[in-house]
All heavy atoms as atom14 arrays in JSON, in Angstrom:
{
  "sequence": "SPFTSAELDKLRAWSANAGCEDSYLPDEDKDNPFHALAKAVREDKV",
  "atom14_mask": [
    [1, 1, 1, 1, 1, 1, 0, 0, 0, 0, 0, 0, 0, 0],
    [1, 1, 1, 1, 1, 1, 1, 0, 0, 0, 0, 0, 0, 0],
    [1, 1, 1, 1, 1, 1, 1, 1, 1, 1, 1, 0, 0, 0],
    [1, 1, 1, 1, 1, 1, 1, 0, 0, 0, 0, 0, 0, 0],
    [1, 1, 1, 1, 1, 1, 0, 0, 0, 0, 0, 0, 0, 0],
    [1, 1, 1, 1, 1, 0, 0, 0, 0, 0, 0, 0, 0, 0],
    [1, 1, 1, 1, 1, 1, 1, 1, 1, 0, 0, 0, 0, 0],
    [1, 1, 1, 1, 1, 1, 1, 1, 0, 0, 0, 0, 0, 0],
    [1, 1, 1, 1, 1, 1, 1, 1, 0, 0, 0, 0, 0, 0],
    [1, 1, 1, 1, 1, 1, 1, 1, 1, 0, 0, 0, 0, 0],
    [1, 1, 1, 1, 1, 1, 1, 1, 0, 0, 0, 0, 0, 0],
    [1, 1, 1, 1, 1, 1, 1, 1, 1, 1, 1, 0, 0, 0],
    [1, 1, 1, 1, 1, 0, 0, 0, 0, 0, 0, 0, 0, 0],
    [1, 1, 1, 1, 1, 1, 1, 1, 1, 1, 1, 1, 1, 1],
    [1, 1, 1, 1, 1, 1, 0, 0, 0, 0, 0, 0, 0, 0],
    [1, 1, 1, 1, 1, 0, 0, 0, 0, 0, 0, 0, 0, 0],
    [1, 1, 1, 1, 1, 1, 1, 1, 0, 0, 0, 0, 0, 0],
    [1, 1, 1, 1, 1, 0, 0, 0, 0, 0, 0, 0, 0, 0],
    [1, 1, 1, 1, 0, 0, 0, 0, 0, 0, 0, 0, 0, 0],
    [1, 1, 1, 1, 1, 1, 0, 0, 0, 0, 0, 0, 0, 0],
    [1, 1, 1, 1, 1, 1, 1, 1, 1, 0, 0, 0, 0, 0],
    [1, 1, 1, 1, 1, 1, 1, 1, 0, 0, 0, 0, 0, 0],
    [1, 1, 1, 1, 1, 1, 0, 0, 0, 0, 0, 0, 0, 0],
    [1, 1, 1, 1, 1, 1, 1, 1, 1, 1, 1, 1, 0, 0],
    [1, 1, 1, 1, 1, 1, 1, 1, 0, 0, 0, 0, 0, 0],
    [1, 1, 1, 1, 1, 1, 1, 0, 0, 0, 0, 0, 0, 0],
    [1, 1, 1, 1, 1, 1, 1, 1, 0, 0, 0, 0, 0, 0],
    [1, 1, 1, 1, 1, 1, 1, 1, 1, 0, 0, 0, 0, 0],
    [1, 1, 1, 1, 1, 1, 1, 1, 0, 0, 0, 0, 0, 0],
    [1, 1, 1, 1, 1, 1, 1, 1, 1, 0, 0, 0, 0, 0],
    [1, 1, 1, 1, 1, 1, 1, 1, 0, 0, 0, 0, 0, 0],
    [1, 1, 1, 1, 1, 1, 1, 1, 0, 0, 0, 0, 0, 0],
    [1, 1, 1, 1, 1, 1, 1, 0, 0, 0, 0, 0, 0, 0],
    [1, 1, 1, 1, 1, 1, 1, 1, 1, 1, 1, 0, 0, 0],
    [1, 1, 1, 1, 1, 1, 1, 1, 1, 1, 0, 0, 0, 0],
    [1, 1, 1, 1, 1, 0, 0, 0, 0, 0, 0, 0, 0, 0],
    [1, 1, 1, 1, 1, 1, 1, 1, 0, 0, 0, 0, 0, 0],
    [1, 1, 1, 1, 1, 0, 0, 0, 0, 0, 0, 0, 0, 0],
    [1, 1, 1, 1, 1, 1, 1, 1, 1, 0, 0, 0, 0, 0],
    [1, 1, 1, 1, 1, 0, 0, 0, 0, 0, 0, 0, 0, 0],
    [1, 1, 1, 1, 1, 1, 1, 0, 0, 0, 0, 0, 0, 0],
    [1, 1, 1, 1, 1, 1, 1, 1, 1, 1, 1, 0, 0, 0],
    [1, 1, 1, 1, 1, 1, 1, 1, 1, 0, 0, 0, 0, 0],
    [1, 1, 1, 1, 1, 1, 1, 1, 0, 0, 0, 0, 0, 0],
    [1, 1, 1, 1, 1, 1, 1, 1, 1, 0, 0, 0, 0, 0],
    [1, 1, 1, 1, 1, 1, 1, 0, 0, 0, 0, 0, 0, 0]
  ],
  "atom14_positions": [
    [[119.7, 108.91, 99.46], [119.65, 110.34, 99.41], [118.38, 110.81, 98.82], [117.73, 109.98, 98.05], [120.86, 111.01, 98.76], [120.89, 110.54, 97.36], [0.0, 0.0, 0.0], [0.0, 0.0, 0.0], [0.0, 0.0, 0.0], [0.0, 0.0, 0.0], [0.0, 0.0, 0.0], [0.0, 0.0, 0.0], [0.0, 0.0, 0.0], [0.0, 0.0, 0.0]],
    [[118.02, 111.97, 99.08], [116.67, 112.44, 98.44], [116.64, 112.46, 96.88], [117.75, 112.66, 96.28], [116.48, 113.9, 98.96], [117.3, 113.95, 100.21], [118.56, 113.09, 99.88], [0.0, 0.0, 0.0], [0.0, 0.0, 0.0], [0.0, 0.0, 0.0], [0.0, 0.0, 0.0], [0.0, 0.0, 0.0], [0.0, 0.0, 0.0], [0.0, 0.0, 0.0]],
    [[115.6, 112.18, 96.35], [115.52, 112.34, 94.83], [115.57, 113.7, 94.31], [114.87, 114.69, 95.05], [114.22, 111.65, 94.27], [114.2, 110.2, 94.29], [113.7, 109.44, 95.3], [114.73, 109.54, 93.25], [113.64, 108.09, 95.32], [114.66, 108.08, 93.18], [114.19, 107.44, 94.25], [0.0, 0.0, 0.0], [0.0, 0.0, 0.0], [0.0, 0.0, 0.0]],
    [[116.4, 113.98, 93.52], [116.59, 115.29, 92.94], [115.5, 115.63, 91.93], [114.78, 114.74, 91.38], [117.99, 115.54, 92.16], [118.03, 114.68, 91.04], [119.04, 115.19, 93.16], [0.0, 0.0, 0.0], [0.0, 0.0, 0.0], [0.0, 0.0, 0.0], [0.0, 0.0, 0.0], [0.0, 0.0, 0.0], [0.0, 0.0, 0.0], [0.0, 0.0, 0.0]],
    [[115.31, 117.0, 91.57], [114.33, 117.34, 90.6], [114.53, 116.73, 89.27], [113.68, 116.32, 88.55], [114.3, 118.85, 90.57], [113.89, 119.47, 91.75], [0.0, 0.0, 0.0], [0.0, 0.0, 0.0], [0.0, 0.0, 0.0], [0.0, 0.0, 0.0], [0.0, 0.0, 0.0], [0.0, 0.0, 0.0], [0.0, 0.0, 0.0], [0.0, 0.0, 0.0]],
    [[115.86, 116.67, 88.91], [116.26, 116.15, 87.62], [115.88, 114.57, 87.49], [115.47, 114.2, 86.53], [117.77, 116.37, 87.39], [0.0, 0.0, 0.0], [0.0, 0.0, 0.0], [0.0, 0.0, 0.0], [0.0, 0.0, 0.0], [0.0, 0.0, 0.0], [0.0, 0.0, 0.0], [0.0, 0.0, 0.0], [0.0, 0.0, 0.0], [0.0, 0.0, 0.0]],
    [[116.17, 113.98, 88.71], [115.76, 112.51, 88.61], [114.33, 112.29, 88.56], [113.82, 111.44, 87.86], [116.29, 111.89, 89.98], [118.0, 111.86, 90.02], [118.43, 111.38, 91.29], [117.76, 111.57, 92.39], [119.45, 110.85, 91.33], [0.0, 0.0, 0.0], [0.0, 0.0, 0.0], [0.0, 0.0, 0.0], [0.0, 0.0, 0.0], [0.0, 0.0, 0.0]],
    [[113.47, 113.13, 89.27], [112.19, 113.04, 89.15], [111.54, 113.32, 87.85], [110.57, 112.62, 87.34], [111.41, 113.97, 90.16], [111.77, 113.61, 91.73], [111.11, 114.56, 92.61], [111.14, 112.18, 92.04], [0.0, 0.0, 0.0], [0.0, 0.0, 0.0], [0.0, 0.0, 0.0], [0.0, 0.0, 0.0], [0.0, 0.0, 0.0], [0.0, 0.0, 0.0]],
    [[112.2, 114.31, 87.07], [111.69, 114.47, 85.8], [111.97, 113.37, 84.9], [111.29, 113.06, 83.93], [112.5, 115.82, 85.3], [111.92, 117.11, 85.96], [110.84, 117.07, 86.43], [112.67, 118.11, 85.92], [0.0, 0.0, 0.0], [0.0, 0.0, 0.0], [0.0, 0.0, 0.0], [0.0, 0.0, 0.0], [0.0, 0.0, 0.0], [0.0, 0.0, 0.0]],
    [[113.19, 112.81, 85.0], [113.53, 111.63, 84.25], [112.49, 110.36, 84.43], [112.02, 109.73, 83.56], [114.97, 111.17, 84.49], [116.0, 112.1, 84.07], [117.41, 111.6, 84.31], [118.52, 112.47, 83.72], [119.86, 111.92, 83.97], [0.0, 0.0, 0.0], [0.0, 0.0, 0.0], [0.0, 0.0, 0.0], [0.0, 0.0, 0.0], [0.0, 0.0, 0.0]],
    [[112.21, 110.16, 85.68], [111.14, 109.19, 86.1], [109.74, 109.48, 85.49], [109.02, 108.5, 84.93], [111.1, 109.17, 87.67], [112.12, 108.29, 88.29], [112.12, 108.59, 89.79], [112.03, 106.78, 88.0], [0.0, 0.0, 0.0], [0.0, 0.0, 0.0], [0.0, 0.0, 0.0], [0.0, 0.0, 0.0], [0.0, 0.0, 0.0], [0.0, 0.0, 0.0]],
    [[109.42, 110.89, 85.35], [108.07, 111.15, 84.82], [108.12, 110.81, 83.38], [107.1, 110.3, 82.75], [107.82, 112.6, 85.1], [106.73, 112.96, 86.18], [106.49, 114.23, 86.25], [107.56, 115.17, 86.71], [107.78, 115.42, 87.96], [106.92, 114.89, 88.9], [108.81, 116.17, 88.28], [0.0, 0.0, 0.0], [0.0, 0.0, 0.0], [0.0, 0.0, 0.0]],
    [[109.23, 111.13, 82.7], [109.35, 110.98, 81.24], [109.34, 109.47, 80.92], [108.61, 109.05, 80.0], [110.61, 111.6, 80.73], [0.0, 0.0, 0.0], [0.0, 0.0, 0.0], [0.0, 0.0, 0.0], [0.0, 0.0, 0.0], [0.0, 0.0, 0.0], [0.0, 0.0, 0.0], [0.0, 0.0, 0.0], [0.0, 0.0, 0.0], [0.0, 0.0, 0.0]],
    [[110.05, 108.72, 81.71], [110.22, 107.17, 81.54], [108.77, 106.62, 81.73], [108.36, 105.77, 81.02], [111.19, 106.61, 82.53], [111.19, 105.02, 82.37], [111.89, 104.35, 81.53], [110.35, 104.18, 83.01], [111.68, 102.99, 81.68], [110.59, 102.84, 82.6], [109.36, 104.34, 84.13], [110.01, 101.81, 83.13], [108.69, 103.26, 84.7], [109.15, 102.04, 84.11]],
    [[108.09, 107.07, 82.8], [106.81, 106.51, 83.04], [105.74, 106.78, 82.03], [105.09, 105.8, 81.68], [106.34, 107.05, 84.55], [105.02, 106.57, 84.8], [0.0, 0.0, 0.0], [0.0, 0.0, 0.0], [0.0, 0.0, 0.0], [0.0, 0.0, 0.0], [0.0, 0.0, 0.0], [0.0, 0.0, 0.0], [0.0, 0.0, 0.0], [0.0, 0.0, 0.0]],
    [[105.78, 108.03, 81.46], [104.86, 108.33, 80.38], [105.17, 107.53, 79.13], [104.22, 107.07, 78.51], [104.99, 109.85, 80.11], [0.0, 0.0, 0.0], [0.0, 0.0, 0.0], [0.0, 0.0, 0.0], [0.0, 0.0, 0.0], [0.0, 0.0, 0.0], [0.0, 0.0, 0.0], [0.0, 0.0, 0.0], [0.0, 0.0, 0.0], [0.0, 0.0, 0.0]],
    [[106.5, 107.26, 78.9], [106.82, 106.49, 77.69], [106.47, 105.11, 77.79], [106.07, 104.41, 76.86], [108.28, 106.76, 77.36], [108.76, 106.1, 76.2], [108.26, 106.35, 75.1], [109.58, 105.05, 76.39], [0.0, 0.0, 0.0], [0.0, 0.0, 0.0], [0.0, 0.0, 0.0], [0.0, 0.0, 0.0], [0.0, 0.0, 0.0], [0.0, 0.0, 0.0]],
    [[106.55, 104.54, 79.07], [106.33, 103.1, 79.33], [104.84, 102.88, 79.55], [104.4, 101.63, 79.71], [107.16, 102.65, 80.52], [0.0, 0.0, 0.0], [0.0, 0.0, 0.0], [0.0, 0.0, 0.0], [0.0, 0.0, 0.0], [0.0, 0.0, 0.0], [0.0, 0.0, 0.0], [0.0, 0.0, 0.0], [0.0, 0.0, 0.0], [0.0, 0.0, 0.0]],
    [[103.94, 103.82, 79.58], [102.59, 103.64, 79.82], [102.35, 103.33, 81.3], [101.29, 102.57, 81.64], [0.0, 0.0, 0.0], [0.0, 0.0, 0.0], [0.0, 0.0, 0.0], [0.0, 0.0, 0.0], [0.0, 0.0, 0.0], [0.0, 0.0, 0.0], [0.0, 0.0, 0.0], [0.0, 0.0, 0.0], [0.0, 0.0, 0.0], [0.0, 0.0, 0.0]],
    [[103.1, 103.82, 82.28], [102.91, 103.51, 83.75], [102.21, 104.85, 84.4], [102.08, 105.9, 83.8], [104.26, 103.21, 84.29], [104.92, 101.74, 83.77], [0.0, 0.0, 0.0], [0.0, 0.0, 0.0], [0.0, 0.0, 0.0], [0.0, 0.0, 0.0], [0.0, 0.0, 0.0], [0.0, 0.0, 0.0], [0.0, 0.0, 0.0], [0.0, 0.0, 0.0]],
    [[101.94, 104.58, 85.51], [101.24, 105.59, 86.36], [102.21, 106.1, 87.49], [102.67, 105.26, 88.26], [99.98, 105.06, 87.0], [99.21, 105.98, 87.83], [98.16, 105.21, 88.64], [97.27, 104.7, 87.91], [98.01, 105.21, 89.89], [0.0, 0.0, 0.0], [0.0, 0.0, 0.0], [0.0, 0.0, 0.0], [0.0, 0.0, 0.0], [0.0, 0.0, 0.0]],
    [[102.45, 107.36, 87.61], [103.22, 107.89, 88.78], [102.29, 107.83, 90.03], [101.63, 108.9, 90.17], [103.71, 109.23, 88.51], [104.52, 109.23, 87.19], [105.35, 108.34, 86.92], [104.63, 110.32, 86.5], [0.0, 0.0, 0.0], [0.0, 0.0, 0.0], [0.0, 0.0, 0.0], [0.0, 0.0, 0.0], [0.0, 0.0, 0.0], [0.0, 0.0, 0.0]],
    [[102.35, 106.8, 90.76], [101.51, 106.78, 91.97], [102.02, 107.69, 92.95], [101.26, 108.33, 93.81], [101.43, 105.31, 92.39], [100.74, 104.61, 91.54], [0.0, 0.0, 0.0], [0.0, 0.0, 0.0], [0.0, 0.0, 0.0], [0.0, 0.0, 0.0], [0.0, 0.0, 0.0], [0.0, 0.0, 0.0], [0.0, 0.0, 0.0], [0.0, 0.0, 0.0]],
    [[103.27, 107.76, 93.15], [103.96, 108.79, 94.08], [105.17, 109.27, 93.72], [106.18, 108.55, 93.44], [104.08, 108.04, 95.47], [104.66, 109.04, 96.5], [103.84, 110.01, 97.17], [105.97, 108.96, 96.82], [104.48, 110.89, 98.08], [106.58, 109.83, 97.72], [105.86, 110.85, 98.39], [106.42, 111.63, 99.28], [0.0, 0.0, 0.0], [0.0, 0.0, 0.0]],
    [[105.28, 110.65, 93.48], [106.58, 111.35, 93.37], [106.44, 112.4, 94.37], [105.53, 113.14, 94.57], [106.61, 112.03, 91.98], [106.72, 110.95, 90.82], [106.69, 111.71, 89.41], [107.9, 109.99, 90.9], [0.0, 0.0, 0.0], [0.0, 0.0, 0.0], [0.0, 0.0, 0.0], [0.0, 0.0, 0.0], [0.0, 0.0, 0.0], [0.0, 0.0, 0.0]],
    [[107.63, 112.69, 95.09], [107.66, 113.5, 96.14], [107.34, 115.1, 95.8], [106.83, 115.77, 96.69], [109.14, 113.5, 96.64], [109.75, 112.16, 96.14], [108.91, 111.99, 94.86], [0.0, 0.0, 0.0], [0.0, 0.0, 0.0], [0.0, 0.0, 0.0], [0.0, 0.0, 0.0], [0.0, 0.0, 0.0], [0.0, 0.0, 0.0], [0.0, 0.0, 0.0]],
    [[107.43, 115.44, 94.54], [107.13, 116.82, 94.16], [105.69, 117.0, 93.64], [105.44, 117.97, 93.05], [108.12, 117.45, 93.27], [108.19, 116.5, 91.96], [107.57, 115.39, 91.96], [108.9, 116.98, 90.88], [0.0, 0.0, 0.0], [0.0, 0.0, 0.0], [0.0, 0.0, 0.0], [0.0, 0.0, 0.0], [0.0, 0.0, 0.0], [0.0, 0.0, 0.0]],
    [[104.87, 115.96, 93.63], [103.45, 116.04, 93.19], [102.54, 115.95, 94.54], [102.97, 115.56, 95.57], [103.16, 114.92, 92.23], [103.97, 115.04, 90.93], [103.66, 113.93, 89.95], [103.02, 112.87, 90.38], [104.14, 113.99, 88.78], [0.0, 0.0, 0.0], [0.0, 0.0, 0.0], [0.0, 0.0, 0.0], [0.0, 0.0, 0.0], [0.0, 0.0, 0.0]],
    [[101.33, 116.19, 94.22], [100.27, 116.06, 95.21], [99.01, 115.43, 94.61], [98.27, 116.24, 93.9], [99.93, 117.43, 95.78], [98.98, 117.33, 96.99], [98.74, 116.28, 97.49], [98.51, 118.41, 97.57], [0.0, 0.0, 0.0], [0.0, 0.0, 0.0], [0.0, 0.0, 0.0], [0.0, 0.0, 0.0], [0.0, 0.0, 0.0], [0.0, 0.0, 0.0]],
    [[98.82, 114.25, 94.86], [97.63, 113.53, 94.19], [96.73, 113.04, 95.3], [97.19, 112.73, 96.44], [98.14, 112.37, 93.29], [99.0, 112.86, 92.08], [99.36, 111.65, 91.18], [100.05, 112.05, 89.94], [100.46, 111.02, 89.16], [0.0, 0.0, 0.0], [0.0, 0.0, 0.0], [0.0, 0.0, 0.0], [0.0, 0.0, 0.0], [0.0, 0.0, 0.0]],
    [[95.62, 112.56, 94.94], [94.65, 112.05, 95.81], [94.6, 110.51, 95.78], [93.71, 110.0, 95.02], [93.19, 112.64, 95.44], [92.08, 112.09, 96.43], [92.62, 111.66, 97.6], [90.95, 112.19, 96.26], [0.0, 0.0, 0.0], [0.0, 0.0, 0.0], [0.0, 0.0, 0.0], [0.0, 0.0, 0.0], [0.0, 0.0, 0.0], [0.0, 0.0, 0.0]],
    [[95.56, 109.95, 96.43], [95.75, 108.43, 96.57], [96.29, 108.12, 97.77], [96.87, 108.91, 98.52], [96.38, 107.91, 95.27], [97.89, 108.24, 95.2], [98.57, 108.58, 96.25], [98.41, 108.52, 94.01], [0.0, 0.0, 0.0], [0.0, 0.0, 0.0], [0.0, 0.0, 0.0], [0.0, 0.0, 0.0], [0.0, 0.0, 0.0], [0.0, 0.0, 0.0]],
    [[96.25, 106.78, 98.21], [96.81, 106.35, 99.49], [98.27, 106.67, 99.7], [98.62, 106.87, 100.77], [96.49, 104.84, 99.53], [95.31, 104.78, 98.65], [95.46, 105.71, 97.43], [0.0, 0.0, 0.0], [0.0, 0.0, 0.0], [0.0, 0.0, 0.0], [0.0, 0.0, 0.0], [0.0, 0.0, 0.0], [0.0, 0.0, 0.0], [0.0, 0.0, 0.0]],
    [[99.02, 106.71, 98.55], [100.52, 106.89, 98.71], [100.72, 108.3, 99.17], [101.54, 108.49, 100.15], [101.16, 106.62, 97.41], [100.99, 105.22, 96.87], [100.06, 104.95, 95.86], [101.75, 104.17, 97.39], [99.85, 103.59, 95.44], [101.61, 102.88, 96.98], [100.68, 102.64, 95.96], [0.0, 0.0, 0.0], [0.0, 0.0, 0.0], [0.0, 0.0, 0.0]],
    [[100.05, 109.16, 98.58], [100.29, 110.69, 99.07], [99.69, 110.77, 100.37], [100.15, 111.67, 101.26], [99.68, 111.64, 98.11], [100.5, 111.7, 96.8], [101.49, 112.68, 96.65], [100.54, 111.16, 95.61], [102.14, 112.62, 95.46], [101.5, 111.6, 94.89], [0.0, 0.0, 0.0], [0.0, 0.0, 0.0], [0.0, 0.0, 0.0], [0.0, 0.0, 0.0]],
    [[98.56, 110.17, 100.7], [97.89, 110.29, 102.04], [98.88, 109.75, 103.11], [98.96, 110.3, 104.15], [96.54, 109.52, 102.0], [0.0, 0.0, 0.0], [0.0, 0.0, 0.0], [0.0, 0.0, 0.0], [0.0, 0.0, 0.0], [0.0, 0.0, 0.0], [0.0, 0.0, 0.0], [0.0, 0.0, 0.0], [0.0, 0.0, 0.0], [0.0, 0.0, 0.0]],
    [[99.59, 108.65, 102.84], [100.51, 108.14, 103.78], [101.67, 109.11, 104.0], [102.09, 109.37, 105.08], [101.09, 106.7, 103.23], [102.2, 106.16, 104.07], [101.79, 105.94, 105.51], [102.66, 104.92, 103.52], [0.0, 0.0, 0.0], [0.0, 0.0, 0.0], [0.0, 0.0, 0.0], [0.0, 0.0, 0.0], [0.0, 0.0, 0.0], [0.0, 0.0, 0.0]],
    [[102.26, 109.63, 102.91], [103.31, 110.59, 103.1], [102.87, 111.89, 103.88], [103.56, 112.39, 104.6], [103.84, 111.14, 101.58], [0.0, 0.0, 0.0], [0.0, 0.0, 0.0], [0.0, 0.0, 0.0], [0.0, 0.0, 0.0], [0.0, 0.0, 0.0], [0.0, 0.0, 0.0], [0.0, 0.0, 0.0], [0.0, 0.0, 0.0], [0.0, 0.0, 0.0]],
    [[101.74, 112.3, 103.63], [101.08, 113.43, 104.26], [100.99, 113.04, 105.94], [101.4, 113.86, 106.76], [99.82, 113.86, 103.86], [99.16, 114.98, 104.55], [97.8, 115.36, 103.96], [97.15, 116.6, 104.61], [95.77, 116.88, 104.07], [0.0, 0.0, 0.0], [0.0, 0.0, 0.0], [0.0, 0.0, 0.0], [0.0, 0.0, 0.0], [0.0, 0.0, 0.0]],
    [[100.53, 111.87, 106.16], [100.42, 111.43, 107.55], [101.84, 111.36, 108.19], [101.9, 111.69, 109.32], [99.79, 110.05, 107.67], [0.0, 0.0, 0.0], [0.0, 0.0, 0.0], [0.0, 0.0, 0.0], [0.0, 0.0, 0.0], [0.0, 0.0, 0.0], [0.0, 0.0, 0.0], [0.0, 0.0, 0.0], [0.0, 0.0, 0.0], [0.0, 0.0, 0.0]],
    [[102.82, 111.02, 107.47], [104.18, 110.85, 107.98], [104.71, 112.38, 108.31], [105.24, 112.68, 109.31], [105.13, 110.24, 107.14], [106.54, 110.4, 107.61], [104.79, 108.67, 106.98], [0.0, 0.0, 0.0], [0.0, 0.0, 0.0], [0.0, 0.0, 0.0], [0.0, 0.0, 0.0], [0.0, 0.0, 0.0], [0.0, 0.0, 0.0], [0.0, 0.0, 0.0]],
    [[104.37, 113.3, 107.38], [104.78, 114.58, 107.46], [104.16, 115.3, 108.82], [104.75, 116.04, 109.41], [104.45, 115.51, 106.25], [105.38, 115.18, 105.07], [105.32, 116.28, 104.03], [103.83, 116.52, 103.6], [103.37, 115.85, 102.49], [104.09, 114.96, 101.87], [102.11, 116.13, 102.17], [0.0, 0.0, 0.0], [0.0, 0.0, 0.0], [0.0, 0.0, 0.0]],
    [[102.85, 115.03, 108.96], [102.12, 115.63, 110.13], [102.15, 114.67, 111.35], [101.33, 115.08, 112.27], [100.64, 115.8, 109.61], [100.55, 116.67, 108.32], [99.03, 116.87, 107.84], [98.17, 116.17, 108.39], [98.77, 117.63, 106.98], [0.0, 0.0, 0.0], [0.0, 0.0, 0.0], [0.0, 0.0, 0.0], [0.0, 0.0, 0.0], [0.0, 0.0, 0.0]],
    [[102.91, 113.75, 111.28], [103.13, 112.86, 112.46], [101.75, 112.19, 112.97], [101.43, 112.17, 114.09], [103.74, 113.66, 113.73], [104.25, 112.67, 114.76], [104.52, 111.6, 114.49], [104.31, 113.11, 115.95], [0.0, 0.0, 0.0], [0.0, 0.0, 0.0], [0.0, 0.0, 0.0], [0.0, 0.0, 0.0], [0.0, 0.0, 0.0], [0.0, 0.0, 0.0]],
    [[100.98, 111.82, 111.87], [99.66, 111.12, 112.07], [99.64, 109.8, 111.44], [98.49, 109.34, 111.08], [98.49, 112.0, 111.56], [98.37, 113.4, 112.25], [97.33, 114.14, 111.73], [96.99, 115.57, 112.39], [95.97, 116.34, 111.83], [0.0, 0.0, 0.0], [0.0, 0.0, 0.0], [0.0, 0.0, 0.0], [0.0, 0.0, 0.0], [0.0, 0.0, 0.0]],
    [[100.82, 109.15, 111.4], [100.95, 107.85, 110.6], [100.08, 106.85, 111.36], [99.46, 105.93, 110.68], [102.3, 107.52, 110.45], [102.98, 107.1, 111.79], [102.41, 106.31, 109.49], [0.0, 0.0, 0.0], [0.0, 0.0, 0.0], [0.0, 0.0, 0.0], [0.0, 0.0, 0.0], [0.0, 0.0, 0.0], [0.0, 0.0, 0.0], [0.0, 0.0, 0.0]]
  ]
}
């Protein structure tokens, strides 16, 4: 099922505490290949 806003907030908090990088979260928009791939899927340009 889709990730909820509450789940994404928990993942962000855990990632910051663990010293990790949020490479792709559905509610964010970053300049990296993961978000580029998601955008390509959304626009049917995969």
